[in-house]
Amino acid sequence: MKVCLLAKIKTEILDPQGKALEASIHRLGVETIRNVRVGKVIEFEIEGMTKEQASTKINELCEQILINPLLEDVSYEFKD
């Protein structure tokens, strides 16, 4: 099954990439865009597991390698 994982900087932490992107958008004359946050998407396939088993494994991988849990929040969804 396919997994789409979204990691983004926690809201209480400054996002310098988001601020830089927001400033660039404003320089283009679009002033209605605010609070830009930049994240990352990780897509992969996981096989031979139920969704519950896959969720457990994904959570383990997030803590070990996929994200920095001190800086990032994560969400994911399964795509069949």
PDB file of N, CA and C in Angstrom:
ATOM      1  N   MET A   1       0.842  -1.178   0.000  1.00  0.00           N
ATOM      2  CA  MET A   1       0.000   0.000   0.000  1.00  0.00           C
ATOM      3  C   MET A   1       0.886   1.238   0.000  1.00  0.00           C
ATOM      4  N   LYS A   2       0.395   2.291  -0.609  1.00  0.00           N
ATOM      5  CA  LYS A   2       1.150   3.547  -0.677  1.00  0.00           C
ATOM      6  C   LYS A   2       0.897   4.377   0.574  1.00  0.00           C
ATOM      7  N   VAL A   3       1.932   5.079   0.975  1.00  0.00           N
ATOM      8  CA  VAL A   3       1.843   5.977   2.116  1.00  0.00           C
ATOM      9  C   VAL A   3       2.309   7.353   1.666  1.00  0.00           C
ATOM     10  N   CYS A   4       1.558   8.364   2.046  1.00  0.00           N
ATOM     11  CA  CYS A   4       1.941   9.753   1.791  1.00  0.00           C
ATOM     12  C   CYS A   4       2.100  10.429   3.150  1.00  0.00           C
ATOM     13  N   LEU A   5       3.330  10.805   3.472  1.00  0.00           N
ATOM     14  CA  LEU A   5       3.661  11.379   4.767  1.00  0.00           C
ATOM     15  C   LEU A   5       3.972  12.863   4.585  1.00  0.00           C
ATOM     16  N   LEU A   6       3.391  13.698   5.436  1.00  0.00           N
ATOM     17  CA  LEU A   6       3.630  15.140   5.397  1.00  0.00           C
ATOM     18  C   LEU A   6       4.286  15.562   6.704  1.00  0.00           C
ATOM     19  N   ALA A   7       5.468  16.150   6.603  1.00  0.00           N
ATOM     20  CA  ALA A   7       6.178  16.667   7.773  1.00  0.00           C
ATOM     21  C   ALA A   7       6.312  18.171   7.619  1.00  0.00           C
ATOM     22  N   LYS A   8       5.973  18.901   8.676  1.00  0.00           N
ATOM     23  CA  LYS A   8       6.140  20.353   8.628  1.00  0.00           C
ATOM     24  C   LYS A   8       6.635  20.859   9.975  1.00  0.00           C
ATOM     25  N   ILE A   9       7.320  21.983   9.922  1.00  0.00           N
ATOM     26  CA  ILE A   9       7.878  22.589  11.131  1.00  0.00           C
ATOM     27  C   ILE A   9       6.738  22.901  12.102  1.00  0.00           C
ATOM     28  N   LYS A  10       6.949  22.609  13.373  1.00  0.00           N
ATOM     29  CA  LYS A  10       5.933  22.899  14.389  1.00  0.00           C
ATOM     30  C   LYS A  10       5.596  24.383  14.376  1.00  0.00           C
ATOM     31  N   THR A  11       4.343  24.691  14.671  1.00  0.00           N
ATOM     32  CA  THR A  11       3.873  26.079  14.572  1.00  0.00           C
ATOM     33  C   THR A  11       4.604  27.019  15.522  1.00  0.00           C
ATOM     34  N   GLU A  12       5.097  26.509  16.644  1.00  0.00           N
ATOM     35  CA  GLU A  12       5.780  27.387  17.601  1.00  0.00           C
ATOM     36  C   GLU A  12       7.240  27.641  17.237  1.00  0.00           C
ATOM     37  N   ILE A  13       7.714  27.021  16.171  1.00  0.00           N
ATOM     38  CA  ILE A  13       9.103  27.177  15.740  1.00  0.00           C
ATOM     39  C   ILE A  13       9.154  28.040  14.485  1.00  0.00           C
ATOM     40  N   LEU A  14      10.077  28.982  14.455  1.00  0.00           N
ATOM     41  CA  LEU A  14      10.255  29.844  13.291  1.00  0.00           C
ATOM     42  C   LEU A  14      10.591  29.005  12.060  1.00  0.00           C
ATOM     43  N   ASP A  15       9.948  29.309  10.945  1.00  0.00           N
ATOM     44  CA  ASP A  15      10.187  28.606   9.681  1.00  0.00           C
ATOM     45  C   ASP A  15      10.855  29.585   8.716  1.00  0.00           C
ATOM     46  N   PRO A  16      12.200  29.625   8.677  1.00  0.00           N
ATOM     47  CA  PRO A  16      12.879  30.600   7.828  1.00  0.00           C
ATOM     48  C   PRO A  16      12.577  30.422   6.343  1.00  0.00           C
ATOM     49  N   GLN A  17      12.407  29.184   5.885  1.00  0.00           N
ATOM     50  CA  GLN A  17      12.061  28.977   4.476  1.00  0.00           C
ATOM     51  C   GLN A  17      10.676  29.537   4.180  1.00  0.00           C
ATOM     52  N   GLY A  18       9.756  29.313   5.086  1.00  0.00           N
ATOM     53  CA  GLY A  18       8.409  29.851   4.916  1.00  0.00           C
ATOM     54  C   GLY A  18       8.413  31.371   4.888  1.00  0.00           C
ATOM     55  N   LYS A  19       9.180  31.988   5.787  1.00  0.00           N
ATOM     56  CA  LYS A  19       9.276  33.458   5.820  1.00  0.00           C
ATOM     57  C   LYS A  19       9.885  33.998   4.534  1.00  0.00           C
ATOM     58  N   ALA A  20      10.936  33.347   4.037  1.00  0.00           N
ATOM     59  CA  ALA A  20      11.577  33.792   2.794  1.00  0.00           C
ATOM     60  C   ALA A  20      10.619  33.658   1.616  1.00  0.00           C
ATOM     61  N   LEU A  21       9.889  32.555   1.561  1.00  0.00           N
ATOM     62  CA  LEU A  21       8.925  32.356   0.483  1.00  0.00           C
ATOM     63  C   LEU A  21       7.801  33.381   0.559  1.00  0.00           C
ATOM     64  N   GLU A  22       7.323  33.651   1.757  1.00  0.00           N
ATOM     65  CA  GLU A  22       6.273  34.654   1.941  1.00  0.00           C
ATOM     66  C   GLU A  22       6.757  36.030   1.482  1.00  0.00           C
ATOM     67  N   ALA A  23       7.991  36.387   1.827  1.00  0.00           N
ATOM     68  CA  ALA A  23       8.546  37.673   1.396  1.00  0.00           C
ATOM     69  C   ALA A  23       8.627  37.744  -0.125  1.00  0.00           C
ATOM     70  N   SER A  24       9.022  36.658  -0.764  1.00  0.00           N
ATOM     71  CA  SER A  24       9.093  36.629  -2.233  1.00  0.00           C
ATOM     72  C   SER A  24       7.712  36.784  -2.855  1.00  0.00           C
ATOM     73  N   ILE A  25       6.735  36.137  -2.268  1.00  0.00           N
ATOM     74  CA  ILE A  25       5.356  36.259  -2.762  1.00  0.00           C
ATOM     75  C   ILE A  25       4.889  37.704  -2.642  1.00  0.00           C
ATOM     76  N   HIS A  26       5.184  38.341  -1.523  1.00  0.00           N
ATOM     77  CA  HIS A  26       4.789  39.742  -1.323  1.00  0.00           C
ATOM     78  C   HIS A  26       5.490  40.660  -2.319  1.00  0.00           C
ATOM     79  N   ARG A  27       6.766  40.367  -2.627  1.00  0.00           N
ATOM     80  CA  ARG A  27       7.482  41.178  -3.617  1.00  0.00           C
ATOM     81  C   ARG A  27       6.851  41.066  -5.005  1.00  0.00           C
ATOM     82  N   LEU A  28       6.163  39.974  -5.253  1.00  0.00           N
ATOM     83  CA  LEU A  28       5.449  39.812  -6.525  1.00  0.00           C
ATOM     84  C   LEU A  28       4.110  40.549  -6.524  1.00  0.00           C
ATOM     85  N   GLY A  29       3.794  41.192  -5.412  1.00  0.00           N
ATOM     86  CA  GLY A  29       2.576  41.986  -5.342  1.00  0.00           C
ATOM     87  C   GLY A  29       1.377  41.257  -4.767  1.00  0.00           C
ATOM     88  N   VAL A  30       1.572  40.047  -4.297  1.00  0.00           N
ATOM     89  CA  VAL A  30       0.469  39.281  -3.710  1.00  0.00           C
ATOM     90  C   VAL A  30       0.554  39.444  -2.193  1.00  0.00           C
ATOM     91  N   GLU A  31      -0.228  40.367  -1.671  1.00  0.00           N
ATOM     92  CA  GLU A  31      -0.167  40.697  -0.246  1.00  0.00           C
ATOM     93  C   GLU A  31      -1.171  39.904   0.587  1.00  0.00           C
ATOM     94  N   THR A  32      -2.025  39.139  -0.056  1.00  0.00           N
ATOM     95  CA  THR A  32      -3.075  38.418   0.664  1.00  0.00           C
ATOM     96  C   THR A  32      -2.614  37.066   1.209  1.00  0.00           C
ATOM     97  N   ILE A  33      -1.387  36.666   0.919  1.00  0.00           N
ATOM     98  CA  ILE A  33      -0.839  35.398   1.417  1.00  0.00           C
ATOM     99  C   ILE A  33      -0.116  35.662   2.736  1.00  0.00           C
ATOM    100  N   ARG A  34      -0.437  34.882   3.754  1.00  0.00           N
ATOM    101  CA  ARG A  34       0.162  35.055   5.082  1.00  0.00           C
ATOM    102  C   ARG A  34       0.513  33.697   5.685  1.00  0.00           C
ATOM    103  N   ASN A  35       1.418  33.720   6.640  1.00  0.00           N
ATOM    104  CA  ASN A  35       1.768  32.546   7.445  1.00  0.00           C
ATOM    105  C   ASN A  35       2.186  31.338   6.599  1.00  0.00           C
ATOM    106  N   VAL A  36       3.089  31.554   5.663  1.00  0.00           N
ATOM    107  CA  VAL A  36       3.579  30.480   4.799  1.00  0.00           C
ATOM    108  C   VAL A  36       4.471  29.551   5.620  1.00  0.00           C
ATOM    109  N   ARG A  37       4.220  28.262   5.514  1.00  0.00           N
ATOM    110  CA  ARG A  37       5.021  27.234   6.176  1.00  0.00           C
ATOM    111  C   ARG A  37       5.493  26.257   5.108  1.00  0.00           C
ATOM    112  N   VAL A  38       6.731  25.853   5.176  1.00  0.00           N
ATOM    113  CA  VAL A  38       7.293  24.915   4.211  1.00  0.00           C
ATOM    114  C   VAL A  38       7.479  23.567   4.905  1.00  0.00           C
ATOM    115  N   GLY A  39       7.107  22.515   4.218  1.00  0.00           N
ATOM    116  CA  GLY A  39       7.255  21.168   4.767  1.00  0.00           C
ATOM    117  C   GLY A  39       7.846  20.246   3.727  1.00  0.00           C
ATOM    118  N   LYS A  40       7.761  18.966   4.013  1.00  0.00           N
ATOM    119  CA  LYS A  40       8.243  17.982   3.047  1.00  0.00           C
ATOM    120  C   LYS A  40       7.237  16.844   2.957  1.00  0.00           C
ATOM    121  N   VAL A  41       7.158  16.275   1.773  1.00  0.00           N
ATOM    122  CA  VAL A  41       6.301  15.122   1.523  1.00  0.00           C
ATOM    123  C   VAL A  41       7.203  13.929   1.243  1.00  0.00           C
ATOM    124  N   ILE A  42       6.921  12.834   1.899  1.00  0.00           N
ATOM    125  CA  ILE A  42       7.651  11.588   1.672  1.00  0.00           C
ATOM    126  C   ILE A  42       6.621  10.542   1.267  1.00  0.00           C
ATOM    127  N   GLU A  43       6.796   9.975   0.085  1.00  0.00           N
ATOM    128  CA  GLU A  43       5.897   8.927  -0.391  1.00  0.00           C
ATOM    129  C   GLU A  43       6.678   7.627  -0.505  1.00  0.00           C
ATOM    130  N   PHE A  44       6.051   6.546  -0.092  1.00  0.00           N
ATOM    131  CA  PHE A  44       6.677   5.231  -0.219  1.00  0.00           C
ATOM    132  C   PHE A  44       5.599   4.158  -0.202  1.00  0.00           C
ATOM    133  N   GLU A  45       6.008   2.952  -0.526  1.00  0.00           N
ATOM    134  CA  GLU A  45       5.112   1.803  -0.471  1.00  0.00           C
ATOM    135  C   GLU A  45       5.572   0.882   0.642  1.00  0.00           C
ATOM    136  N   ILE A  46       4.606   0.316   1.339  1.00  0.00           N
ATOM    137  CA  ILE A  46       4.902  -0.631   2.409  1.00  0.00           C
ATOM    138  C   ILE A  46       4.072  -1.884   2.125  1.00  0.00           C
ATOM    139  N   GLU A  47       4.705  -3.029   2.235  1.00  0.00           N
ATOM    140  CA  GLU A  47       4.052  -4.278   1.832  1.00  0.00           C
ATOM    141  C   GLU A  47       4.030  -5.290   2.966  1.00  0.00           C
ATOM    142  N   GLY A  48       3.071  -6.206   2.884  1.00  0.00           N
ATOM    143  CA  GLY A  48       3.025  -7.341   3.797  1.00  0.00           C
ATOM    144  C   GLY A  48       2.570  -7.015   5.199  1.00  0.00           C
ATOM    145  N   MET A  49       1.848  -5.908   5.367  1.00  0.00           N
ATOM    146  CA  MET A  49       1.381  -5.510   6.695  1.00  0.00           C
ATOM    147  C   MET A  49      -0.059  -5.037   6.609  1.00  0.00           C
ATOM    148  N   THR A  50      -0.760  -5.173   7.731  1.00  0.00           N
ATOM    149  CA  THR A  50      -2.069  -4.541   7.839  1.00  0.00           C
ATOM    150  C   THR A  50      -1.848  -3.042   8.038  1.00  0.00           C
ATOM    151  N   LYS A  51      -2.903  -2.257   7.934  1.00  0.00           N
ATOM    152  CA  LYS A  51      -2.767  -0.811   8.168  1.00  0.00           C
ATOM    153  C   LYS A  51      -2.305  -0.528   9.595  1.00  0.00           C
ATOM    154  N   GLU A  52      -2.782  -1.322  10.545  1.00  0.00           N
ATOM    155  CA  GLU A  52      -2.376  -1.125  11.938  1.00  0.00           C
ATOM    156  C   GLU A  52      -0.884  -1.410  12.116  1.00  0.00           C
ATOM    157  N   GLN A  53      -0.410  -2.500  11.521  1.00  0.00           N
ATOM    158  CA  GLN A  53       1.021  -2.825  11.593  1.00  0.00           C
ATOM    159  C   GLN A  53       1.852  -1.762  10.880  1.00  0.00           C
ATOM    160  N   ALA A  54       1.362  -1.323   9.726  1.00  0.00           N
ATOM    161  CA  ALA A  54       2.073  -0.294   8.970  1.00  0.00           C
ATOM    162  C   ALA A  54       2.143   1.003   9.766  1.00  0.00           C
ATOM    163  N   SER A  55       1.053   1.365  10.435  1.00  0.00           N
ATOM    164  CA  SER A  55       1.051   2.588  11.254  1.00  0.00           C
ATOM    165  C   SER A  55       2.105   2.517  12.348  1.00  0.00           C
ATOM    166  N   THR A  56       2.193   1.375  12.996  1.00  0.00           N
ATOM    167  CA  THR A  56       3.205   1.193  14.035  1.00  0.00           C
ATOM    168  C   THR A  56       4.606   1.352  13.459  1.00  0.00           C
ATOM    169  N   LYS A  57       4.855   0.719  12.315  1.00  0.00           N
ATOM    170  CA  LYS A  57       6.176   0.793  11.685  1.00  0.00           C
ATOM    171  C   LYS A  57       6.487   2.223  11.233  1.00  0.00           C
ATOM    172  N   ILE A  58       5.504   2.904  10.647  1.00  0.00           N
ATOM    173  CA  ILE A  58       5.706   4.284  10.190  1.00  0.00           C
ATOM    174  C   ILE A  58       6.044   5.187  11.371  1.00  0.00           C
ATOM    175  N   ASN A  59       5.325   5.029  12.479  1.00  0.00           N
ATOM    176  CA  ASN A  59       5.610   5.842  13.665  1.00  0.00           C
ATOM    177  C   ASN A  59       7.027   5.592  14.176  1.00  0.00           C
ATOM    178  N   GLU A  60       7.460   4.332  14.158  1.00  0.00           N
ATOM    179  CA  GLU A  60       8.838   4.010  14.561  1.00  0.00           C
ATOM    180  C   GLU A  60       9.843   4.681  13.629  1.00  0.00           C
ATOM    181  N   LEU A  61       9.601   4.588  12.320  1.00  0.00           N
ATOM    182  CA  LEU A  61      10.517   5.194  11.348  1.00  0.00           C
ATOM    183  C   LEU A  61      10.558   6.714  11.479  1.00  0.00           C
ATOM    184  N   CYS A  62       9.417   7.308  11.779  1.00  0.00           N
ATOM    185  CA  CYS A  62       9.392   8.767  11.966  1.00  0.00           C
ATOM    186  C   CYS A  62      10.284   9.167  13.133  1.00  0.00           C
ATOM    187  N   GLU A  63      10.194   8.434  14.227  1.00  0.00           N
ATOM    188  CA  GLU A  63      11.013   8.746  15.395  1.00  0.00           C
ATOM    189  C   GLU A  63      12.498   8.502  15.140  1.00  0.00           C
ATOM    190  N   GLN A  64      12.819   7.505  14.306  1.00  0.00           N
ATOM    191  CA  GLN A  64      14.212   7.116  14.097  1.00  0.00           C
ATOM    192  C   GLN A  64      14.907   7.875  12.977  1.00  0.00           C
ATOM    193  N   ILE A  65      14.203   8.145  11.863  1.00  0.00           N
ATOM    194  CA  ILE A  65      14.928   8.661  10.698  1.00  0.00           C
ATOM    195  C   ILE A  65      14.144   9.632   9.818  1.00  0.00           C
ATOM    196  N   LEU A  66      12.835   9.462   9.675  1.00  0.00           N
ATOM    197  CA  LEU A  66      12.107  10.234   8.664  1.00  0.00           C
ATOM    198  C   LEU A  66      11.917  11.701   9.022  1.00  0.00           C
ATOM    199  N   ILE A  67      11.744  11.993  10.304  1.00  0.00           N
ATOM    200  CA  ILE A  67      11.534  13.383  10.708  1.00  0.00           C
ATOM    201  C   ILE A  67      12.332  13.665  11.978  1.00  0.00           C
ATOM    202  N   ASN A  68      12.402  14.945  12.323  1.00  0.00           N
ATOM    203  CA  ASN A  68      12.965  15.353  13.603  1.00  0.00           C
ATOM    204  C   ASN A  68      11.781  15.669  14.516  1.00  0.00           C
ATOM    205  N   PRO A  69      11.433  14.778  15.452  1.00  0.00           N
ATOM    206  CA  PRO A  69      10.240  14.991  16.270  1.00  0.00           C
ATOM    207  C   PRO A  69      10.312  16.215  17.178  1.00  0.00           C
ATOM    208  N   LEU A  70      11.502  16.752  17.400  1.00  0.00           N
ATOM    209  CA  LEU A  70      11.616  17.973  18.199  1.00  0.00           C
ATOM    210  C   LEU A  70      11.189  19.204  17.407  1.00  0.00           C
ATOM    211  N   LEU A  71      11.345  19.150  16.083  1.00  0.00           N
ATOM    212  CA  LEU A  71      11.077  20.311  15.230  1.00  0.00           C
ATOM    213  C   LEU A  71       9.857  20.159  14.334  1.00  0.00           C
ATOM    214  N   GLU A  72       9.486  18.918  14.014  1.00  0.00           N
ATOM    215  CA  GLU A  72       8.470  18.696  12.995  1.00  0.00           C
ATOM    216  C   GLU A  72       7.259  17.933  13.530  1.00  0.00           C
ATOM    217  N   ASP A  73       6.095  18.296  13.005  1.00  0.00           N
ATOM    218  CA  ASP A  73       4.873  17.524  13.188  1.00  0.00           C
ATOM    219  C   ASP A  73       4.679  16.686  11.942  1.00  0.00           C
ATOM    220  N   VAL A  74       4.067  15.532  12.101  1.00  0.00           N
ATOM    221  CA  VAL A  74       3.904  14.634  10.963  1.00  0.00           C
ATOM    222  C   VAL A  74       2.469  14.122  10.899  1.00  0.00           C
ATOM    223  N   SER A  75       2.009  13.940   9.684  1.00  0.00           N
ATOM    224  CA  SER A  75       0.748  13.249   9.436  1.00  0.00           C
ATOM    225  C   SER A  75       0.964  12.384   8.211  1.00  0.00           C
ATOM    226  N   TYR A  76       0.164  11.348   8.086  1.00  0.00           N
ATOM    227  CA  TYR A  76       0.286  10.490   6.909  1.00  0.00           C
ATOM    228  C   TYR A  76      -1.058   9.863   6.605  1.00  0.00           C
ATOM    229  N   GLU A  77      -1.176   9.434   5.363  1.00  0.00           N
ATOM    230  CA  GLU A  77      -2.385   8.729   4.953  1.00  0.00           C
ATOM    231  C   GLU A  77      -2.004   7.589   4.027  1.00  0.00           C
ATOM    232  N   PHE A  78      -2.845   6.587   4.038  1.00  0.00           N
ATOM    233  CA  PHE A  78      -2.659   5.439   3.158  1.00  0.00           C
ATOM    234  C   PHE A  78      -3.427   5.675   1.871  1.00  0.00           C
ATOM    235  N   LYS A  79      -2.799   5.349   0.774  1.00  0.00           N
ATOM    236  CA  LYS A  79      -3.440   5.459  -0.535  1.00  0.00           C
ATOM    237  C   LYS A  79      -3.355   4.089  -1.190  1.00  0.00           C
ATOM    238  N   ASP A  80      -4.504   3.482  -1.398  1.00  0.00           N
ATOM    239  CA  ASP A  80      -4.522   2.139  -1.996  1.00  0.00           C
ATOM    240  C   ASP A  80      -4.385   2.179  -3.493  1.00  0.00           C
TER     241      ASP A  80
END
